[in-house]
Amino acid sequence: MSQNIEIEFKNMLTFKEYELLLTEFNISEQQIFPQENHYFDTADFALKEKGVALRIRQKKDYFEMTLKQPARVGLLESNQKVTHMEADEAIQTGKLPSGLVHDILQEMGITINKMEYFGSLLTKRTEFTYNQGLLVLDHSYYLNKEDFELEYEVENYDLGKETFKEFLSQYGIPIRKTENKIQRFYYQKSIQKK
């Protein structure tokens, strides 16, 4: 179990821009790995209302539950390793395993037994160090949609912001308002309900 502040900058990419960056950084198929995010909230979006996101991420046979909360700078991430069986139970029934994330949700006044599984988002990801940060290229699939995204994770907000802007400019990529994955997932889900 751990907590850390996540500072990252995001920008949506076109397929052409995504392919350009894969080529520029000599990314091979072997460097791209799958991960799946499973999202949870209550039927009345109690987490979303508080600007909070809850997911269980699966990378191969490793499962981690992560709660993301707004922080003064970036997001406070609370991470908890869960077993395959605990992840399956959460997905099937909405029942969350006990531990750090469960306790924080209770402290926030969230009714834990009202938690529901909302669906999953599969990402093909590659990541590598770039100017004192981590550059991430994502190709995501969810609810009959696919998109491409660039993320830049850093320790220093101001330095990271400047480096990210310069990177986009260098590759001729326009700055695009970019929601995070769970927001894009929820938006797509709301469109499908109509």
C-alpha atoms as a PDB file:
ATOM      1  CA  MET A   1       0.000   0.000   0.000  1.00  0.00           C
ATOM      2  CA  SER A   2       1.294   3.419  -0.882  1.00  0.00           C
ATOM      3  CA  GLN A   3       0.310   7.022  -1.433  1.00  0.00           C
ATOM      4  CA  ASN A   4       1.974   9.463  -3.800  1.00  0.00           C
ATOM      5  CA  ILE A   5       1.298  12.706  -5.646  1.00  0.00           C
ATOM      6  CA  GLU A   6       0.864  12.225  -9.391  1.00  0.00           C
ATOM      7  CA  ILE A   7       1.765  15.195 -11.581  1.00  0.00           C
ATOM      8  CA  GLU A   8       1.110  14.537 -15.240  1.00  0.00           C
ATOM      9  CA  PHE A   9       0.298  16.449 -18.388  1.00  0.00           C
ATOM     10  CA  LYS A  10      -1.943  14.937 -21.057  1.00  0.00           C
ATOM     11  CA  ASN A  11      -2.745  15.606 -24.682  1.00  0.00           C
ATOM     12  CA  MET A  12      -4.959  13.700 -27.077  1.00  0.00           C
ATOM     13  CA  LEU A  13      -3.274  12.585 -30.298  1.00  0.00           C
ATOM     14  CA  THR A  14      -4.506  11.754 -33.752  1.00  0.00           C
ATOM     15  CA  PHE A  15      -3.590   8.318 -35.099  1.00  0.00           C
ATOM     16  CA  LYS A  16      -1.046  10.013 -37.393  1.00  0.00           C
ATOM     17  CA  GLU A  17       0.614  11.856 -34.465  1.00  0.00           C
ATOM     18  CA  TYR A  18       0.688   8.656 -32.413  1.00  0.00           C
ATOM     19  CA  GLU A  19       2.359   6.768 -35.283  1.00  0.00           C
ATOM     20  CA  LEU A  20       4.834   9.630 -35.769  1.00  0.00           C
ATOM     21  CA  LEU A  21       5.934   9.471 -32.112  1.00  0.00           C
ATOM     22  CA  LEU A  22       6.264   5.662 -32.200  1.00  0.00           C
ATOM     23  CA  THR A  23       8.553   6.075 -35.217  1.00  0.00           C
ATOM     24  CA  GLU A  24      10.503   9.042 -33.775  1.00  0.00           C
ATOM     25  CA  PHE A  25      11.334   7.116 -30.601  1.00  0.00           C
ATOM     26  CA  ASN A  26      11.931   3.776 -32.380  1.00  0.00           C
ATOM     27  CA  ILE A  27       9.211   1.994 -30.393  1.00  0.00           C
ATOM     28  CA  SER A  28       8.893  -1.657 -31.377  1.00  0.00           C
ATOM     29  CA  GLU A  29       5.822  -3.851 -30.907  1.00  0.00           C
ATOM     30  CA  GLN A  30       7.677  -5.623 -28.048  1.00  0.00           C
ATOM     31  CA  GLN A  31       7.833  -2.355 -26.085  1.00  0.00           C
ATOM     32  CA  ILE A  32       4.040  -1.972 -26.110  1.00  0.00           C
ATOM     33  CA  PHE A  33       2.220  -3.752 -23.292  1.00  0.00           C
ATOM     34  CA  PRO A  34      -1.470  -4.129 -22.436  1.00  0.00           C
ATOM     35  CA  GLN A  35      -3.118  -2.986 -19.233  1.00  0.00           C
ATOM     36  CA  GLU A  36      -6.795  -2.883 -18.343  1.00  0.00           C
ATOM     37  CA  ASN A  37      -8.537  -0.389 -16.065  1.00  0.00           C
ATOM     38  CA  HIS A  38     -11.750  -1.506 -14.347  1.00  0.00           C
ATOM     39  CA  TYR A  39     -13.788   1.488 -13.103  1.00  0.00           C
ATOM     40  CA  PHE A  40     -16.096   1.736 -10.083  1.00  0.00           C
ATOM     41  CA  ASP A  41     -18.545   4.267  -8.659  1.00  0.00           C
ATOM     42  CA  THR A  42     -21.992   4.292  -7.070  1.00  0.00           C
ATOM     43  CA  ALA A  43     -25.132   4.441  -9.229  1.00  0.00           C
ATOM     44  CA  ASP A  44     -25.534   8.118  -8.273  1.00  0.00           C
ATOM     45  CA  PHE A  45     -21.849   8.889  -9.077  1.00  0.00           C
ATOM     46  CA  ALA A  46     -20.834   9.706  -5.475  1.00  0.00           C
ATOM     47  CA  LEU A  47     -17.137   9.476  -6.386  1.00  0.00           C
ATOM     48  CA  LYS A  48     -17.432  11.504  -9.577  1.00  0.00           C
ATOM     49  CA  GLU A  49     -19.297  14.214  -7.608  1.00  0.00           C
ATOM     50  CA  LYS A  50     -16.276  14.545  -5.315  1.00  0.00           C
ATOM     51  CA  GLY A  51     -13.827  14.634  -8.237  1.00  0.00           C
ATOM     52  CA  VAL A  52     -12.506  11.219  -7.205  1.00  0.00           C
ATOM     53  CA  ALA A  53     -11.810   8.167  -9.398  1.00  0.00           C
ATOM     54  CA  LEU A  54     -11.514   4.504  -8.428  1.00  0.00           C
ATOM     55  CA  ARG A  55     -10.059   1.768 -10.588  1.00  0.00           C
ATOM     56  CA  ILE A  56      -8.520  -1.657 -10.433  1.00  0.00           C
ATOM     57  CA  ARG A  57      -5.691  -1.928 -12.956  1.00  0.00           C
ATOM     58  CA  GLN A  58      -4.598  -5.273 -14.340  1.00  0.00           C
ATOM     59  CA  LYS A  59      -1.111  -5.695 -15.830  1.00  0.00           C
ATOM     60  CA  LYS A  60      -0.587  -9.372 -16.707  1.00  0.00           C
ATOM     61  CA  ASP A  61      -1.276 -11.191 -13.407  1.00  0.00           C
ATOM     62  CA  TYR A  62      -0.785  -8.125 -11.192  1.00  0.00           C
ATOM     63  CA  PHE A  63      -3.810  -6.236  -9.849  1.00  0.00           C
ATOM     64  CA  GLU A  64      -3.745  -2.854  -8.110  1.00  0.00           C
ATOM     65  CA  MET A  65      -6.641  -0.790  -6.794  1.00  0.00           C
ATOM     66  CA  THR A  66      -6.064   2.964  -7.066  1.00  0.00           C
ATOM     67  CA  LEU A  67      -8.072   5.860  -5.682  1.00  0.00           C
ATOM     68  CA  LYS A  68      -7.259   9.250  -7.216  1.00  0.00           C
ATOM     69  CA  GLN A  69      -8.202  12.392  -5.285  1.00  0.00           C
ATOM     70  CA  PRO A  70      -7.583  16.059  -6.110  1.00  0.00           C
ATOM     71  CA  ALA A  71      -4.488  17.505  -4.407  1.00  0.00           C
ATOM     72  CA  ARG A  72      -3.072  21.042  -4.246  1.00  0.00           C
ATOM     73  CA  VAL A  73      -0.851  20.118  -7.196  1.00  0.00           C
ATOM     74  CA  GLY A  74      -1.728  17.034  -9.235  1.00  0.00           C
ATOM     75  CA  LEU A  75      -3.594  14.094  -7.750  1.00  0.00           C
ATOM     76  CA  LEU A  76      -3.167  12.101  -4.560  1.00  0.00           C
ATOM     77  CA  GLU A  77      -2.963   8.441  -5.543  1.00  0.00           C
ATOM     78  CA  SER A  78      -3.678   5.756  -2.954  1.00  0.00           C
ATOM     79  CA  ASN A  79      -2.556   2.349  -4.247  1.00  0.00           C
ATOM     80  CA  GLN A  80      -3.344  -1.064  -2.869  1.00  0.00           C
ATOM     81  CA  LYS A  81      -2.275  -4.412  -4.301  1.00  0.00           C
ATOM     82  CA  VAL A  82      -5.235  -6.822  -4.618  1.00  0.00           C
ATOM     83  CA  THR A  83      -5.418 -10.487  -5.494  1.00  0.00           C
ATOM     84  CA  HIS A  84      -6.943 -11.837  -8.701  1.00  0.00           C
ATOM     85  CA  MET A  85      -9.812 -13.219  -6.595  1.00  0.00           C
ATOM     86  CA  GLU A  86     -10.443  -9.834  -4.895  1.00  0.00           C
ATOM     87  CA  ALA A  87     -10.415  -8.076  -8.271  1.00  0.00           C
ATOM     88  CA  ASP A  88     -12.873 -10.628  -9.714  1.00  0.00           C
ATOM     89  CA  GLU A  89     -15.198 -10.247  -6.731  1.00  0.00           C
ATOM     90  CA  ALA A  90     -15.157  -6.437  -7.069  1.00  0.00           C
ATOM     91  CA  ILE A  91     -15.940  -6.683 -10.794  1.00  0.00           C
ATOM     92  CA  GLN A  92     -18.708  -9.279 -10.293  1.00  0.00           C
ATOM     93  CA  THR A  93     -20.373  -7.810  -7.181  1.00  0.00           C
ATOM     94  CA  GLY A  94     -18.987  -4.311  -6.529  1.00  0.00           C
ATOM     95  CA  LYS A  95     -17.619  -5.534  -3.166  1.00  0.00           C
ATOM     96  CA  LEU A  96     -14.265  -3.853  -2.553  1.00  0.00           C
ATOM     97  CA  PRO A  97     -11.471  -5.559  -0.618  1.00  0.00           C
ATOM     98  CA  SER A  98     -10.614  -4.114   2.782  1.00  0.00           C
ATOM     99  CA  GLY A  99      -7.506  -1.984   3.215  1.00  0.00           C
ATOM    100  CA  LEU A 100      -6.272   1.547   2.571  1.00  0.00           C
ATOM    101  CA  VAL A 101      -8.636   2.465  -0.293  1.00  0.00           C
ATOM    102  CA  HIS A 102     -11.697   1.030   1.476  1.00  0.00           C
ATOM    103  CA  ASP A 103     -10.820   3.026   4.627  1.00  0.00           C
ATOM    104  CA  ILE A 104     -10.327   6.316   2.733  1.00  0.00           C
ATOM    105  CA  LEU A 105     -13.673   5.895   0.952  1.00  0.00           C
ATOM    106  CA  GLN A 106     -15.390   5.330   4.306  1.00  0.00           C
ATOM    107  CA  GLU A 107     -13.716   8.445   5.751  1.00  0.00           C
ATOM    108  CA  MET A 108     -15.082  10.385   2.756  1.00  0.00           C
ATOM    109  CA  GLY A 109     -18.598   9.241   3.655  1.00  0.00           C
ATOM    110  CA  ILE A 110     -18.990   6.983   0.606  1.00  0.00           C
ATOM    111  CA  THR A 111     -21.431   4.113   1.108  1.00  0.00           C
ATOM    112  CA  ILE A 112     -19.098   1.230   0.283  1.00  0.00           C
ATOM    113  CA  ASN A 113     -21.817  -1.386  -0.232  1.00  0.00           C
ATOM    114  CA  LYS A 114     -23.343   0.779  -2.998  1.00  0.00           C
ATOM    115  CA  MET A 115     -20.216   0.525  -5.137  1.00  0.00           C
ATOM    116  CA  GLU A 116     -20.803  -0.793  -8.677  1.00  0.00           C
ATOM    117  CA  TYR A 117     -18.591  -1.933 -11.530  1.00  0.00           C
ATOM    118  CA  PHE A 118     -18.944   0.461 -14.489  1.00  0.00           C
ATOM    119  CA  GLY A 119     -16.815  -1.222 -17.123  1.00  0.00           C
ATOM    120  CA  SER A 120     -13.289  -1.452 -18.437  1.00  0.00           C
ATOM    121  CA  LEU A 121     -10.833   0.385 -20.656  1.00  0.00           C
ATOM    122  CA  LEU A 122      -8.022  -1.531 -22.349  1.00  0.00           C
ATOM    123  CA  THR A 123      -4.817   0.349 -23.122  1.00  0.00           C
ATOM    124  CA  LYS A 124      -1.821  -0.623 -25.209  1.00  0.00           C
ATOM    125  CA  ARG A 125       0.949   1.402 -23.564  1.00  0.00           C
ATOM    126  CA  THR A 126       4.598   2.226 -24.054  1.00  0.00           C
ATOM    127  CA  GLU A 127       6.605   4.384 -21.672  1.00  0.00           C
ATOM    128  CA  PHE A 128      10.153   5.712 -21.526  1.00  0.00           C
ATOM    129  CA  THR A 129      12.153   8.385 -19.714  1.00  0.00           C
ATOM    130  CA  TYR A 130      12.305  11.811 -21.303  1.00  0.00           C
ATOM    131  CA  ASN A 131      13.911  14.957 -19.794  1.00  0.00           C
ATOM    132  CA  GLN A 132      13.611  13.950 -16.109  1.00  0.00           C
ATOM    133  CA  GLY A 133      10.102  12.592 -16.574  1.00  0.00           C
ATOM    134  CA  LEU A 134       8.217   9.609 -17.947  1.00  0.00           C
ATOM    135  CA  LEU A 135       6.685   9.912 -21.417  1.00  0.00           C
ATOM    136  CA  VAL A 136       3.722   7.611 -22.060  1.00  0.00           C
ATOM    137  CA  LEU A 137       1.983   6.778 -25.348  1.00  0.00           C
ATOM    138  CA  ASP A 138      -1.439   5.156 -24.960  1.00  0.00           C
ATOM    139  CA  HIS A 139      -3.793   3.563 -27.481  1.00  0.00           C
ATOM    140  CA  SER A 140      -7.052   2.898 -25.598  1.00  0.00           C
ATOM    141  CA  TYR A 141     -10.207   0.929 -26.396  1.00  0.00           C
ATOM    142  CA  TYR A 142     -13.479   1.340 -24.490  1.00  0.00           C
ATOM    143  CA  LEU A 143     -17.215   1.166 -25.204  1.00  0.00           C
ATOM    144  CA  ASN A 144     -16.756   0.769 -28.990  1.00  0.00           C
ATOM    145  CA  LYS A 145     -14.352   3.724 -29.124  1.00  0.00           C
ATOM    146  CA  GLU A 146     -10.594   4.038 -29.455  1.00  0.00           C
ATOM    147  CA  ASP A 147      -8.312   6.993 -28.834  1.00  0.00           C
ATOM    148  CA  PHE A 148      -4.655   7.976 -28.646  1.00  0.00           C
ATOM    149  CA  GLU A 149      -3.053   9.949 -25.844  1.00  0.00           C
ATOM    150  CA  LEU A 150       0.296  11.352 -24.763  1.00  0.00           C
ATOM    151  CA  GLU A 151       1.077  11.643 -21.034  1.00  0.00           C
ATOM    152  CA  TYR A 152       4.102  13.152 -19.339  1.00  0.00           C
ATOM    153  CA  GLU A 153       4.626  12.284 -15.653  1.00  0.00           C
ATOM    154  CA  VAL A 154       6.991  14.501 -13.668  1.00  0.00           C
ATOM    155  CA  GLU A 155       8.087  15.454 -10.151  1.00  0.00           C
ATOM    156  CA  ASN A 156       8.213  19.227 -10.774  1.00  0.00           C
ATOM    157  CA  TYR A 157       5.011  20.860 -12.094  1.00  0.00           C
ATOM    158  CA  ASP A 158       6.530  24.036 -13.593  1.00  0.00           C
ATOM    159  CA  LEU A 159       9.462  22.299 -15.270  1.00  0.00           C
ATOM    160  CA  GLY A 160       7.178  19.525 -16.538  1.00  0.00           C
ATOM    161  CA  LYS A 161       4.652  21.960 -17.988  1.00  0.00           C
ATOM    162  CA  GLU A 162       7.347  23.842 -19.897  1.00  0.00           C
ATOM    163  CA  THR A 163       8.997  20.630 -21.192  1.00  0.00           C
ATOM    164  CA  PHE A 164       5.615  19.246 -22.296  1.00  0.00           C
ATOM    165  CA  LYS A 165       4.692  22.429 -24.187  1.00  0.00           C
ATOM    166  CA  GLU A 166       8.084  22.403 -25.922  1.00  0.00           C
ATOM    167  CA  PHE A 167       7.669  18.718 -26.813  1.00  0.00           C
ATOM    168  CA  LEU A 168       4.258  19.304 -28.428  1.00  0.00           C
ATOM    169  CA  SER A 169       5.605  22.306 -30.316  1.00  0.00           C
ATOM    170  CA  GLN A 170       8.659  20.366 -31.527  1.00  0.00           C
ATOM    171  CA  TYR A 171       6.449  17.676 -33.081  1.00  0.00           C
ATOM    172  CA  GLY A 172       3.792  20.080 -34.406  1.00  0.00           C
ATOM    173  CA  ILE A 173       1.080  18.681 -32.108  1.00  0.00           C
ATOM    174  CA  PRO A 174      -1.610  21.224 -31.132  1.00  0.00           C
ATOM    175  CA  ILE A 175      -2.463  21.547 -27.429  1.00  0.00           C
ATOM    176  CA  ARG A 176      -5.843  19.878 -26.947  1.00  0.00           C
ATOM    177  CA  LYS A 177      -8.012  19.994 -23.837  1.00  0.00           C
ATOM    178  CA  THR A 178      -7.701  16.431 -22.593  1.00  0.00           C
ATOM    179  CA  GLU A 179      -9.902  14.741 -20.016  1.00  0.00           C
ATOM    180  CA  ASN A 180      -8.462  11.803 -18.118  1.00  0.00           C
ATOM    181  CA  LYS A 181      -9.394   8.246 -19.095  1.00  0.00           C
ATOM    182  CA  ILE A 182     -12.204   7.782 -16.584  1.00  0.00           C
ATOM    183  CA  GLN A 183     -13.828  11.063 -17.669  1.00  0.00           C
ATOM    184  CA  ARG A 184     -13.653   9.994 -21.315  1.00  0.00           C
ATOM    185  CA  PHE A 185     -15.041   6.596 -20.337  1.00  0.00           C
ATOM    186  CA  TYR A 186     -17.977   8.174 -18.426  1.00  0.00           C
ATOM    187  CA  TYR A 187     -18.695  10.554 -21.301  1.00  0.00           C
ATOM    188  CA  GLN A 188     -18.829   7.673 -23.773  1.00  0.00           C
ATOM    189  CA  LYS A 189     -21.034   5.675 -21.396  1.00  0.00           C
ATOM    190  CA  SER A 190     -23.481   8.600 -21.082  1.00  0.00           C
ATOM    191  CA  ILE A 191     -23.707   8.885 -24.889  1.00  0.00           C
ATOM    192  CA  GLN A 192     -24.527   5.173 -25.179  1.00  0.00           C
ATOM    193  CA  LYS A 193     -27.315   5.469 -22.592  1.00  0.00           C
ATOM    194  CA  LYS A 194     -29.168   8.057 -24.710  1.00  0.00           C
END
